Amino acid sequence: MSKVVEINNNEEFSKNVINSELPVLVDFWAEWCGPCKQLAPLIEQTAEEFDGKVLVCKMDVDANRETAAEFGVRSIPTLMIFKNGELIGTEIGALTKTDLDEFISSKI
C-alpha cells in the first residue's frame, strides 16, 4: 500500500502540508508529464524509507492550479519541502534517488 498522500484541493493541502507536525515533501506533477512518471517510483520508495520522518504528498497541478500558482510552480516535476508550515526547499526536474535523498536529508 502506498504511503504517498494524494492532495486533491486547497483544504487538503492546508491540513496535510501546512499543519503537519512532520516535514512534508510535496511532488507537484501532472498525468501527461514524462519526467513526473519517471520520478513516481522514486517518490513511492522515498515515502517508504522516510516513513515516520517525512510525510510524502503528491498534488496534480492541472487539478490544483491555484495552489501550484501560489507556490510559483512553473515547471514540473517540482518538489518542495515544508517544515512547520513554511517552504524550506525546492527542486525542479526529475532527480536521481541519491539526489532526492540528499535533498530531503539536508532539509529535515
PDB file of N, CA and C in Angstrom:
ATOM      1  N   MET A   1       0.838  -1.187   0.000  1.00  0.00           N
ATOM      2  CA  MET A   1       0.000   0.000   0.000  1.00  0.00           C
ATOM      3  C   MET A   1       0.880   1.246   0.000  1.00  0.00           C
ATOM      4  N   SER A   2       0.498   2.215  -0.796  1.00  0.00           N
ATOM      5  CA  SER A   2       1.271   3.439  -0.935  1.00  0.00           C
ATOM      6  C   SER A   2       1.216   4.295   0.324  1.00  0.00           C
ATOM      7  N   LYS A   3       2.344   4.866   0.665  1.00  0.00           N
ATOM      8  CA  LYS A   3       2.407   5.788   1.786  1.00  0.00           C
ATOM      9  C   LYS A   3       2.367   7.230   1.293  1.00  0.00           C
ATOM     10  N   VAL A   4       2.236   7.423  -0.019  1.00  0.00           N
ATOM     11  CA  VAL A   4       2.153   8.769  -0.599  1.00  0.00           C
ATOM     12  C   VAL A   4       0.718   9.270  -0.474  1.00  0.00           C
ATOM     13  N   VAL A   5       0.564  10.465   0.067  1.00  0.00           N
ATOM     14  CA  VAL A   5      -0.756  11.059   0.259  1.00  0.00           C
ATOM     15  C   VAL A   5      -1.101  11.904  -0.954  1.00  0.00           C
ATOM     16  N   GLU A   6      -2.240  11.593  -1.587  1.00  0.00           N
ATOM     17  CA  GLU A   6      -2.721  12.398  -2.710  1.00  0.00           C
ATOM     18  C   GLU A   6      -3.459  13.616  -2.154  1.00  0.00           C
ATOM     19  N   ILE A   7      -3.059  14.800  -2.581  1.00  0.00           N
ATOM     20  CA  ILE A   7      -3.721  16.034  -2.158  1.00  0.00           C
ATOM     21  C   ILE A   7      -4.573  16.508  -3.327  1.00  0.00           C
ATOM     22  N   ASN A   8      -5.879  16.650  -3.071  1.00  0.00           N
ATOM     23  CA  ASN A   8      -6.819  16.947  -4.153  1.00  0.00           C
ATOM     24  C   ASN A   8      -7.380  18.359  -4.149  1.00  0.00           C
ATOM     25  N   ASN A   9      -7.113  19.148  -3.111  1.00  0.00           N
ATOM     26  CA  ASN A   9      -7.643  20.514  -3.077  1.00  0.00           C
ATOM     27  C   ASN A   9      -6.885  21.346  -2.039  1.00  0.00           C
ATOM     28  N   ASN A  10      -7.199  22.639  -1.995  1.00  0.00           N
ATOM     29  CA  ASN A  10      -6.506  23.557  -1.079  1.00  0.00           C
ATOM     30  C   ASN A  10      -6.726  23.187   0.381  1.00  0.00           C
ATOM     31  N   GLU A  11      -7.915  22.714   0.701  1.00  0.00           N
ATOM     32  CA  GLU A  11      -8.230  22.329   2.078  1.00  0.00           C
ATOM     33  C   GLU A  11      -7.326  21.179   2.528  1.00  0.00           C
ATOM     34  N   GLU A  12      -7.174  20.178   1.678  1.00  0.00           N
ATOM     35  CA  GLU A  12      -6.301  19.051   1.989  1.00  0.00           C
ATOM     36  C   GLU A  12      -4.843  19.502   2.065  1.00  0.00           C
ATOM     37  N   PHE A  13      -4.463  20.477   1.228  1.00  0.00           N
ATOM     38  CA  PHE A  13      -3.097  20.998   1.262  1.00  0.00           C
ATOM     39  C   PHE A  13      -2.823  21.621   2.625  1.00  0.00           C
ATOM     40  N   SER A  14      -3.737  22.437   3.099  1.00  0.00           N
ATOM     41  CA  SER A  14      -3.567  23.069   4.418  1.00  0.00           C
ATOM     42  C   SER A  14      -3.476  22.025   5.518  1.00  0.00           C
ATOM     43  N   LYS A  15      -4.377  21.058   5.464  1.00  0.00           N
ATOM     44  CA  LYS A  15      -4.429  20.011   6.501  1.00  0.00           C
ATOM     45  C   LYS A  15      -3.167  19.152   6.502  1.00  0.00           C
ATOM     46  N   ASN A  16      -2.770  18.667   5.330  1.00  0.00           N
ATOM     47  CA  ASN A  16      -1.667  17.713   5.238  1.00  0.00           C
ATOM     48  C   ASN A  16      -0.283  18.341   5.173  1.00  0.00           C
ATOM     49  N   VAL A  17      -0.176  19.547   4.642  1.00  0.00           N
ATOM     50  CA  VAL A  17       1.138  20.156   4.447  1.00  0.00           C
ATOM     51  C   VAL A  17       1.398  21.276   5.455  1.00  0.00           C
ATOM     52  N   ILE A  18       0.573  22.285   5.429  1.00  0.00           N
ATOM     53  CA  ILE A  18       0.798  23.458   6.276  1.00  0.00           C
ATOM     54  C   ILE A  18       0.683  23.110   7.761  1.00  0.00           C
ATOM     55  N   ASN A  19      -0.264  22.264   8.120  1.00  0.00           N
ATOM     56  CA  ASN A  19      -0.497  21.936   9.530  1.00  0.00           C
ATOM     57  C   ASN A  19       0.172  20.640   9.990  1.00  0.00           C
ATOM     58  N   SER A  20       1.048  20.076   9.183  1.00  0.00           N
ATOM     59  CA  SER A  20       1.706  18.814   9.539  1.00  0.00           C
ATOM     60  C   SER A  20       2.756  19.017  10.628  1.00  0.00           C
ATOM     61  N   GLU A  21       2.813  18.065  11.545  1.00  0.00           N
ATOM     62  CA  GLU A  21       3.856  18.090  12.567  1.00  0.00           C
ATOM     63  C   GLU A  21       5.179  17.577  12.008  1.00  0.00           C
ATOM     64  N   LEU A  22       5.110  16.775  10.956  1.00  0.00           N
ATOM     65  CA  LEU A  22       6.312  16.265  10.295  1.00  0.00           C
ATOM     66  C   LEU A  22       6.700  17.189   9.141  1.00  0.00           C
ATOM     67  N   PRO A  23       7.973  17.178   8.737  1.00  0.00           N
ATOM     68  CA  PRO A  23       8.327  17.838   7.479  1.00  0.00           C
ATOM     69  C   PRO A  23       7.548  17.148   6.349  1.00  0.00           C
ATOM     70  N   VAL A  24       7.227  17.886   5.297  1.00  0.00           N
ATOM     71  CA  VAL A  24       6.418  17.347   4.203  1.00  0.00           C
ATOM     72  C   VAL A  24       7.120  17.583   2.867  1.00  0.00           C
ATOM     73  N   LEU A  25       7.258  16.514   2.090  1.00  0.00           N
ATOM     74  CA  LEU A  25       7.736  16.610   0.714  1.00  0.00           C
ATOM     75  C   LEU A  25       6.508  16.604  -0.178  1.00  0.00           C
ATOM     76  N   VAL A  26       6.360  17.631  -1.022  1.00  0.00           N
ATOM     77  CA  VAL A  26       5.231  17.694  -1.954  1.00  0.00           C
ATOM     78  C   VAL A  26       5.772  17.571  -3.372  1.00  0.00           C
ATOM     79  N   ASP A  27       5.232  16.614  -4.113  1.00  0.00           N
ATOM     80  CA  ASP A  27       5.560  16.411  -5.520  1.00  0.00           C
ATOM     81  C   ASP A  27       4.441  17.039  -6.344  1.00  0.00           C
ATOM     82  N   PHE A  28       4.740  18.182  -6.982  1.00  0.00           N
ATOM     83  CA  PHE A  28       3.783  18.811  -7.899  1.00  0.00           C
ATOM     84  C   PHE A  28       4.014  18.160  -9.254  1.00  0.00           C
ATOM     85  N   TRP A  29       2.970  17.540  -9.817  1.00  0.00           N
ATOM     86  CA  TRP A  29       3.111  16.722 -11.010  1.00  0.00           C
ATOM     87  C   TRP A  29       1.865  16.849 -11.885  1.00  0.00           C
ATOM     88  N   ALA A  30       1.886  16.195 -13.054  1.00  0.00           N
ATOM     89  CA  ALA A  30       0.714  16.095 -13.937  1.00  0.00           C
ATOM     90  C   ALA A  30       0.768  14.752 -14.659  1.00  0.00           C
ATOM     91  N   GLU A  31      -0.402  14.254 -14.999  1.00  0.00           N
ATOM     92  CA  GLU A  31      -0.531  12.938 -15.643  1.00  0.00           C
ATOM     93  C   GLU A  31       0.240  12.858 -16.963  1.00  0.00           C
ATOM     94  N   TRP A  32       0.281  13.950 -17.722  1.00  0.00           N
ATOM     95  CA  TRP A  32       0.899  13.962 -19.050  1.00  0.00           C
ATOM     96  C   TRP A  32       2.415  14.162 -19.017  1.00  0.00           C
ATOM     97  N   CYS A  33       2.986  14.378 -17.840  1.00  0.00           N
ATOM     98  CA  CYS A  33       4.403  14.749 -17.691  1.00  0.00           C
ATOM     99  C   CYS A  33       5.302  13.509 -17.646  1.00  0.00           C
ATOM    100  N   GLY A  34       6.121  13.329 -18.661  1.00  0.00           N
ATOM    101  CA  GLY A  34       7.043  12.195 -18.716  1.00  0.00           C
ATOM    102  C   GLY A  34       8.014  12.144 -17.543  1.00  0.00           C
ATOM    103  N   PRO A  35       8.728  13.237 -17.248  1.00  0.00           N
ATOM    104  CA  PRO A  35       9.644  13.214 -16.106  1.00  0.00           C
ATOM    105  C   PRO A  35       8.924  12.949 -14.773  1.00  0.00           C
ATOM    106  N   CYS A  36       7.668  13.371 -14.672  1.00  0.00           N
ATOM    107  CA  CYS A  36       6.888  13.100 -13.450  1.00  0.00           C
ATOM    108  C   CYS A  36       6.663  11.598 -13.293  1.00  0.00           C
ATOM    109  N   LYS A  37       6.353  10.936 -14.412  1.00  0.00           N
ATOM    110  CA  LYS A  37       6.137   9.485 -14.384  1.00  0.00           C
ATOM    111  C   LYS A  37       7.438   8.754 -14.059  1.00  0.00           C
ATOM    112  N   GLN A  38       8.547   9.292 -14.553  1.00  0.00           N
ATOM    113  CA  GLN A  38       9.862   8.716 -14.282  1.00  0.00           C
ATOM    114  C   GLN A  38      10.193   8.826 -12.794  1.00  0.00           C
ATOM    115  N   LEU A  39       9.803   9.941 -12.165  1.00  0.00           N
ATOM    116  CA  LEU A  39      10.099  10.190 -10.759  1.00  0.00           C
ATOM    117  C   LEU A  39       9.169   9.432  -9.805  1.00  0.00           C
ATOM    118  N   ALA A  40       7.977   9.085 -10.265  1.00  0.00           N
ATOM    119  CA  ALA A  40       6.944   8.491  -9.401  1.00  0.00           C
ATOM    120  C   ALA A  40       7.425   7.285  -8.589  1.00  0.00           C
ATOM    121  N   PRO A  41       8.122   6.299  -9.176  1.00  0.00           N
ATOM    122  CA  PRO A  41       8.574   5.161  -8.358  1.00  0.00           C
ATOM    123  C   PRO A  41       9.549   5.577  -7.256  1.00  0.00           C
ATOM    124  N   LEU A  42      10.364   6.589  -7.529  1.00  0.00           N
ATOM    125  CA  LEU A  42      11.304   7.071  -6.515  1.00  0.00           C
ATOM    126  C   LEU A  42      10.566   7.776  -5.376  1.00  0.00           C
ATOM    127  N   ILE A  43       9.486   8.468  -5.713  1.00  0.00           N
ATOM    128  CA  ILE A  43       8.667   9.132  -4.695  1.00  0.00           C
ATOM    129  C   ILE A  43       8.026   8.077  -3.790  1.00  0.00           C
ATOM    130  N   GLU A  44       7.506   7.009  -4.393  1.00  0.00           N
ATOM    131  CA  GLU A  44       6.920   5.903  -3.621  1.00  0.00           C
ATOM    132  C   GLU A  44       7.964   5.278  -2.694  1.00  0.00           C
ATOM    133  N   GLN A  45       9.133   5.012  -3.218  1.00  0.00           N
ATOM    134  CA  GLN A  45      10.213   4.403  -2.441  1.00  0.00           C
ATOM    135  C   GLN A  45      10.634   5.332  -1.299  1.00  0.00           C
ATOM    136  N   THR A  46      10.720   6.615  -1.584  1.00  0.00           N
ATOM    137  CA  THR A  46      11.092   7.607  -0.575  1.00  0.00           C
ATOM    138  C   THR A  46      10.065   7.654   0.547  1.00  0.00           C
ATOM    139  N   ALA A  47       8.782   7.563   0.197  1.00  0.00           N
ATOM    140  CA  ALA A  47       7.719   7.577   1.211  1.00  0.00           C
ATOM    141  C   ALA A  47       7.890   6.403   2.173  1.00  0.00           C
ATOM    142  N   GLU A  48       8.273   5.246   1.642  1.00  0.00           N
ATOM    143  CA  GLU A  48       8.500   4.072   2.484  1.00  0.00           C
ATOM    144  C   GLU A  48       9.726   4.273   3.373  1.00  0.00           C
ATOM    145  N   GLU A  49      10.808   4.736   2.782  1.00  0.00           N
ATOM    146  CA  GLU A  49      12.072   4.856   3.506  1.00  0.00           C
ATOM    147  C   GLU A  49      12.045   5.933   4.589  1.00  0.00           C
ATOM    148  N   PHE A  50      11.311   7.025   4.346  1.00  0.00           N
ATOM    149  CA  PHE A  50      11.267   8.132   5.292  1.00  0.00           C
ATOM    150  C   PHE A  50       9.987   8.104   6.139  1.00  0.00           C
ATOM    151  N   ASP A  51       9.288   6.975   6.118  1.00  0.00           N
ATOM    152  CA  ASP A  51       8.041   6.841   6.875  1.00  0.00           C
ATOM    153  C   ASP A  51       8.276   7.176   8.353  1.00  0.00           C
ATOM    154  N   GLY A  52       7.448   8.064   8.890  1.00  0.00           N
ATOM    155  CA  GLY A  52       7.586   8.472  10.277  1.00  0.00           C
ATOM    156  C   GLY A  52       8.500   9.667  10.472  1.00  0.00           C
ATOM    157  N   LYS A  53       9.283  10.003   9.434  1.00  0.00           N
ATOM    158  CA  LYS A  53      10.188  11.155   9.498  1.00  0.00           C
ATOM    159  C   LYS A  53       9.722  12.284   8.597  1.00  0.00           C
ATOM    160  N   VAL A  54       9.153  11.909   7.441  1.00  0.00           N
ATOM    161  CA  VAL A  54       8.692  12.874   6.443  1.00  0.00           C
ATOM    162  C   VAL A  54       7.378  12.370   5.861  1.00  0.00           C
ATOM    163  N   LEU A  55       6.403  13.265   5.735  1.00  0.00           N
ATOM    164  CA  LEU A  55       5.169  12.936   5.034  1.00  0.00           C
ATOM    165  C   LEU A  55       5.387  13.250   3.559  1.00  0.00           C
ATOM    166  N   VAL A  56       5.070  12.304   2.688  1.00  0.00           N
ATOM    167  CA  VAL A  56       5.260  12.488   1.252  1.00  0.00           C
ATOM    168  C   VAL A  56       3.891  12.626   0.595  1.00  0.00           C
ATOM    169  N   CYS A  57       3.721  13.721  -0.149  1.00  0.00           N
ATOM    170  CA  CYS A  57       2.433  14.019  -0.796  1.00  0.00           C
ATOM    171  C   CYS A  57       2.637  14.305  -2.275  1.00  0.00           C
ATOM    172  N   LYS A  58       1.571  14.092  -3.043  1.00  0.00           N
ATOM    173  CA  LYS A  58       1.557  14.429  -4.470  1.00  0.00           C
ATOM    174  C   LYS A  58       0.366  15.343  -4.726  1.00  0.00           C
ATOM    175  N   MET A  59       0.570  16.342  -5.595  1.00  0.00           N
ATOM    176  CA  MET A  59      -0.518  17.238  -5.961  1.00  0.00           C
ATOM    177  C   MET A  59      -0.489  17.462  -7.464  1.00  0.00           C
ATOM    178  N   ASP A  60      -1.588  17.111  -8.140  1.00  0.00           N
ATOM    179  CA  ASP A  60      -1.732  17.277  -9.582  1.00  0.00           C
ATOM    180  C   ASP A  60      -1.931  18.761  -9.884  1.00  0.00           C
ATOM    181  N   VAL A  61      -0.986  19.348 -10.629  1.00  0.00           N
ATOM    182  CA  VAL A  61      -1.060  20.791 -10.907  1.00  0.00           C
ATOM    183  C   VAL A  61      -2.221  21.159 -11.816  1.00  0.00           C
ATOM    184  N   ASP A  62      -2.653  20.244 -12.680  1.00  0.00           N
ATOM    185  CA  ASP A  62      -3.792  20.544 -13.556  1.00  0.00           C
ATOM    186  C   ASP A  62      -5.086  20.669 -12.762  1.00  0.00           C
ATOM    187  N   ALA A  63      -5.235  19.861 -11.734  1.00  0.00           N
ATOM    188  CA  ALA A  63      -6.445  19.879 -10.913  1.00  0.00           C
ATOM    189  C   ALA A  63      -6.368  20.917  -9.793  1.00  0.00           C
ATOM    190  N   ASN A  64      -5.174  21.440  -9.549  1.00  0.00           N
ATOM    191  CA  ASN A  64      -4.969  22.369  -8.425  1.00  0.00           C
ATOM    192  C   ASN A  64      -4.106  23.550  -8.852  1.00  0.00           C
ATOM    193  N   ARG A  65      -4.545  24.228  -9.891  1.00  0.00           N
ATOM    194  CA  ARG A  65      -3.759  25.341 -10.456  1.00  0.00           C
ATOM    195  C   ARG A  65      -3.516  26.460  -9.450  1.00  0.00           C
ATOM    196  N   GLU A  66      -4.494  26.724  -8.608  1.00  0.00           N
ATOM    197  CA  GLU A  66      -4.388  27.825  -7.646  1.00  0.00           C
ATOM    198  C   GLU A  66      -3.243  27.596  -6.659  1.00  0.00           C
ATOM    199  N   THR A  67      -3.181  26.407  -6.095  1.00  0.00           N
ATOM    200  CA  THR A  67      -2.114  26.106  -5.132  1.00  0.00           C
ATOM    201  C   THR A  67      -0.758  26.099  -5.826  1.00  0.00           C
ATOM    202  N   ALA A  68      -0.687  25.510  -7.001  1.00  0.00           N
ATOM    203  CA  ALA A  68       0.573  25.487  -7.746  1.00  0.00           C
ATOM    204  C   ALA A  68       1.040  26.915  -8.040  1.00  0.00           C
ATOM    205  N   ALA A  69       0.141  27.774  -8.448  1.00  0.00           N
ATOM    206  CA  ALA A  69       0.492  29.171  -8.735  1.00  0.00           C
ATOM    207  C   ALA A  69       0.923  29.904  -7.469  1.00  0.00           C
ATOM    208  N   GLU A  70       0.259  29.618  -6.363  1.00  0.00           N
ATOM    209  CA  GLU A  70       0.589  30.265  -5.092  1.00  0.00           C
ATOM    210  C   GLU A  70       2.045  30.014  -4.699  1.00  0.00           C
ATOM    211  N   PHE A  71       2.559  28.838  -5.033  1.00  0.00           N
ATOM    212  CA  PHE A  71       3.933  28.494  -4.682  1.00  0.00           C
ATOM    213  C   PHE A  71       4.895  28.638  -5.861  1.00  0.00           C
ATOM    214  N   GLY A  72       4.439  29.271  -6.940  1.00  0.00           N
ATOM    215  CA  GLY A  72       5.317  29.579  -8.064  1.00  0.00           C
ATOM    216  C   GLY A  72       5.755  28.391  -8.879  1.00  0.00           C
ATOM    217  N   VAL A  73       4.948  27.345  -8.911  1.00  0.00           N
ATOM    218  CA  VAL A  73       5.294  26.166  -9.704  1.00  0.00           C
ATOM    219  C   VAL A  73       5.094  26.500 -11.179  1.00  0.00           C
ATOM    220  N   ARG A  74       6.199  26.515 -11.920  1.00  0.00           N
ATOM    221  CA  ARG A  74       6.156  26.854 -13.349  1.00  0.00           C
ATOM    222  C   ARG A  74       6.582  25.684 -14.227  1.00  0.00           C
ATOM    223  N   SER A  75       7.342  24.760 -13.640  1.00  0.00           N
ATOM    224  CA  SER A  75       7.801  23.562 -14.345  1.00  0.00           C
ATOM    225  C   SER A  75       7.515  22.372 -13.448  1.00  0.00           C
ATOM    226  N   ILE A  76       7.278  21.229 -14.081  1.00  0.00           N
ATOM    227  CA  ILE A  76       7.065  20.016 -13.302  1.00  0.00           C
ATOM    228  C   ILE A  76       7.971  18.916 -13.835  1.00  0.00           C
ATOM    229  N   PRO A  77       8.352  17.984 -12.997  1.00  0.00           N
ATOM    230  CA  PRO A  77       8.017  17.917 -11.582  1.00  0.00           C
ATOM    231  C   PRO A  77       8.742  18.985 -10.768  1.00  0.00           C
ATOM    232  N   THR A  78       8.037  19.502  -9.773  1.00  0.00           N
ATOM    233  CA  THR A  78       8.641  20.386  -8.780  1.00  0.00           C
ATOM    234  C   THR A  78       8.437  19.728  -7.425  1.00  0.00           C
ATOM    235  N   LEU A  79       9.518  19.596  -6.688  1.00  0.00           N
ATOM    236  CA  LEU A  79       9.468  19.027  -5.345  1.00  0.00           C
ATOM    237  C   LEU A  79       9.720  20.146  -4.350  1.00  0.00           C
ATOM    238  N   MET A  80       8.855  20.237  -3.342  1.00  0.00           N
ATOM    239  CA  MET A  80       9.017  21.245  -2.303  1.00  0.00           C
ATOM    240  C   MET A  80       8.961  20.569  -0.946  1.00  0.00           C
ATOM    241  N   ILE A  81       9.780  21.068  -0.036  1.00  0.00           N
ATOM    242  CA  ILE A  81       9.756  20.581   1.341  1.00  0.00           C
ATOM    243  C   ILE A  81       9.256  21.706   2.237  1.00  0.00           C
ATOM    244  N   PHE A  82       8.277  21.354   3.061  1.00  0.00           N
ATOM    245  CA  PHE A  82       7.700  22.285   4.025  1.00  0.00           C
ATOM    246  C   PHE A  82       8.010  21.762   5.427  1.00  0.00           C
ATOM    247  N   LYS A  83       8.339  22.685   6.320  1.00  0.00           N
ATOM    248  CA  LYS A  83       8.584  22.328   7.715  1.00  0.00           C
ATOM    249  C   LYS A  83       7.921  23.399   8.574  1.00  0.00           C
ATOM    250  N   ASN A  84       7.092  22.960   9.513  1.00  0.00           N
ATOM    251  CA  ASN A  84       6.324  23.884  10.359  1.00  0.00           C
ATOM    252  C   ASN A  84       5.503  24.864   9.519  1.00  0.00           C
ATOM    253  N   GLY A  85       4.973  24.368   8.396  1.00  0.00           N
ATOM    254  CA  GLY A  85       4.122  25.182   7.542  1.00  0.00           C
ATOM    255  C   GLY A  85       4.853  26.122   6.609  1.00  0.00           C
ATOM    256  N   GLU A  86       6.175  26.142   6.660  1.00  0.00           N
ATOM    257  CA  GLU A  86       6.971  27.046   5.836  1.00  0.00           C
ATOM    258  C   GLU A  86       7.710  26.278   4.748  1.00  0.00           C
ATOM    259  N   LEU A  87       7.768  26.864   3.550  1.00  0.00           N
ATOM    260  CA  LEU A  87       8.540  26.281   2.455  1.00  0.00           C
ATOM    261  C   LEU A  87      10.022  26.462   2.770  1.00  0.00           C
ATOM    262  N   ILE A  88      10.769  25.350   2.795  1.00  0.00           N
ATOM    263  CA  ILE A  88      12.190  25.445   3.137  1.00  0.00           C
ATOM    264  C   ILE A  88      13.114  24.935   2.033  1.00  0.00           C
ATOM    265  N   GLY A  89      12.559  24.355   0.967  1.00  0.00           N
ATOM    266  CA  GLY A  89      13.410  23.868  -0.113  1.00  0.00           C
ATOM    267  C   GLY A  89      12.619  23.505  -1.348  1.00  0.00           C
ATOM    268  N   THR A  90      13.236  23.725  -2.516  1.00  0.00           N
ATOM    269  CA  THR A  90      12.598  23.421  -3.797  1.00  0.00           C
ATOM    270  C   THR A  90      13.617  22.796  -4.743  1.00  0.00           C
ATOM    271  N   GLU A  91      13.199  21.772  -5.440  1.00  0.00           N
ATOM    272  CA  GLU A  91      13.983  21.169  -6.524  1.00  0.00           C
ATOM    273  C   GLU A  91      13.058  21.037  -7.730  1.00  0.00           C
ATOM    274  N   ILE A  92      13.569  21.358  -8.903  1.00  0.00           N
ATOM    275  CA  ILE A  92      12.772  21.271 -10.125  1.00  0.00           C
ATOM    276  C   ILE A  92      13.398  20.248 -11.055  1.00  0.00           C
ATOM    277  N   GLY A  93      12.550  19.381 -11.608  1.00  0.00           N
ATOM    278  CA  GLY A  93      13.008  18.366 -12.542  1.00  0.00           C
ATOM    279  C   GLY A  93      13.134  17.013 -11.880  1.00  0.00           C
ATOM    280  N   ALA A  94      13.306  15.995 -12.711  1.00  0.00           N
ATOM    281  CA  ALA A  94      13.443  14.628 -12.211  1.00  0.00           C
ATOM    282  C   ALA A  94      14.817  14.469 -11.566  1.00  0.00           C
ATOM    283  N   LEU A  95      14.837  13.981 -10.356  1.00  0.00           N
ATOM    284  CA  LEU A  95      16.074  13.767  -9.614  1.00  0.00           C
ATOM    285  C   LEU A  95      16.433  12.288  -9.601  1.00  0.00           C
ATOM    286  N   THR A  96      17.700  12.003  -9.359  1.00  0.00           N
ATOM    287  CA  THR A  96      18.100  10.626  -9.110  1.00  0.00           C
ATOM    288  C   THR A  96      17.691  10.291  -7.680  1.00  0.00           C
ATOM    289  N   LYS A  97      17.702   9.032  -7.328  1.00  0.00           N
ATOM    290  CA  LYS A  97      17.362   8.617  -5.961  1.00  0.00           C
ATOM    291  C   LYS A  97      18.346   9.238  -4.971  1.00  0.00           C
ATOM    292  N   THR A  98      19.611   9.244  -5.315  1.00  0.00           N
ATOM    293  CA  THR A  98      20.637   9.826  -4.440  1.00  0.00           C
ATOM    294  C   THR A  98      20.372  11.313  -4.224  1.00  0.00           C
ATOM    295  N   ASP A  99      20.089  12.043  -5.305  1.00  0.00           N
ATOM    296  CA  ASP A  99      19.818  13.483  -5.195  1.00  0.00           C
ATOM    297  C   ASP A  99      18.556  13.740  -4.382  1.00  0.00           C
ATOM    298  N   LEU A 100      17.547  12.919  -4.573  1.00  0.00           N
ATOM    299  CA  LEU A 100      16.297  13.063  -3.828  1.00  0.00           C
ATOM    300  C   LEU A 100      16.541  12.840  -2.332  1.00  0.00           C
ATOM    301  N   ASP A 101      17.256  11.794  -1.993  1.00  0.00           N
ATOM    302  CA  ASP A 101      17.572  11.502  -0.584  1.00  0.00           C
ATOM    303  C   ASP A 101      18.389  12.637   0.038  1.00  0.00           C
ATOM    304  N   GLU A 102      19.358  13.156  -0.703  1.00  0.00           N
ATOM    305  CA  GLU A 102      20.198  14.255  -0.196  1.00  0.00           C
ATOM    306  C   GLU A 102      19.367  15.519   0.001  1.00  0.00           C
ATOM    307  N   PHE A 103      18.469  15.795  -0.940  1.00  0.00           N
ATOM    308  CA  PHE A 103      17.592  16.970  -0.838  1.00  0.00           C
ATOM    309  C   PHE A 103      16.758  16.903   0.448  1.00  0.00           C
ATOM    310  N   ILE A 104      16.156  15.747   0.681  1.00  0.00           N
ATOM    311  CA  ILE A 104      15.305  15.582   1.878  1.00  0.00           C
ATOM    312  C   ILE A 104      16.162  15.641   3.140  1.00  0.00           C
ATOM    313  N   SER A 105      17.234  14.875   3.161  1.00  0.00           N
ATOM    314  CA  SER A 105      18.065  14.809   4.367  1.00  0.00           C
ATOM    315  C   SER A 105      18.657  16.170   4.734  1.00  0.00           C
ATOM    316  N   SER A 106      18.959  16.993   3.750  1.00  0.00           N
ATOM    317  CA  SER A 106      19.542  18.308   4.033  1.00  0.00           C
ATOM    318  C   SER A 106      18.531  19.280   4.625  1.00  0.00           C
ATOM    319  N   LYS A 107      17.240  18.963   4.502  1.00  0.00           N
ATOM    320  CA  LYS A 107      16.192  19.877   4.967  1.00  0.00           C
ATOM    321  C   LYS A 107      15.499  19.434   6.243  1.00  0.00           C
ATOM    322  N   ILE A 108      15.655  18.168   6.600  1.00  0.00           N
ATOM    323  CA  ILE A 108      14.979  17.704   7.819  1.00  0.00           C
ATOM    324  C   ILE A 108      15.991  17.555   8.894  1.00  0.00           C
TER     325      ILE A 108
END
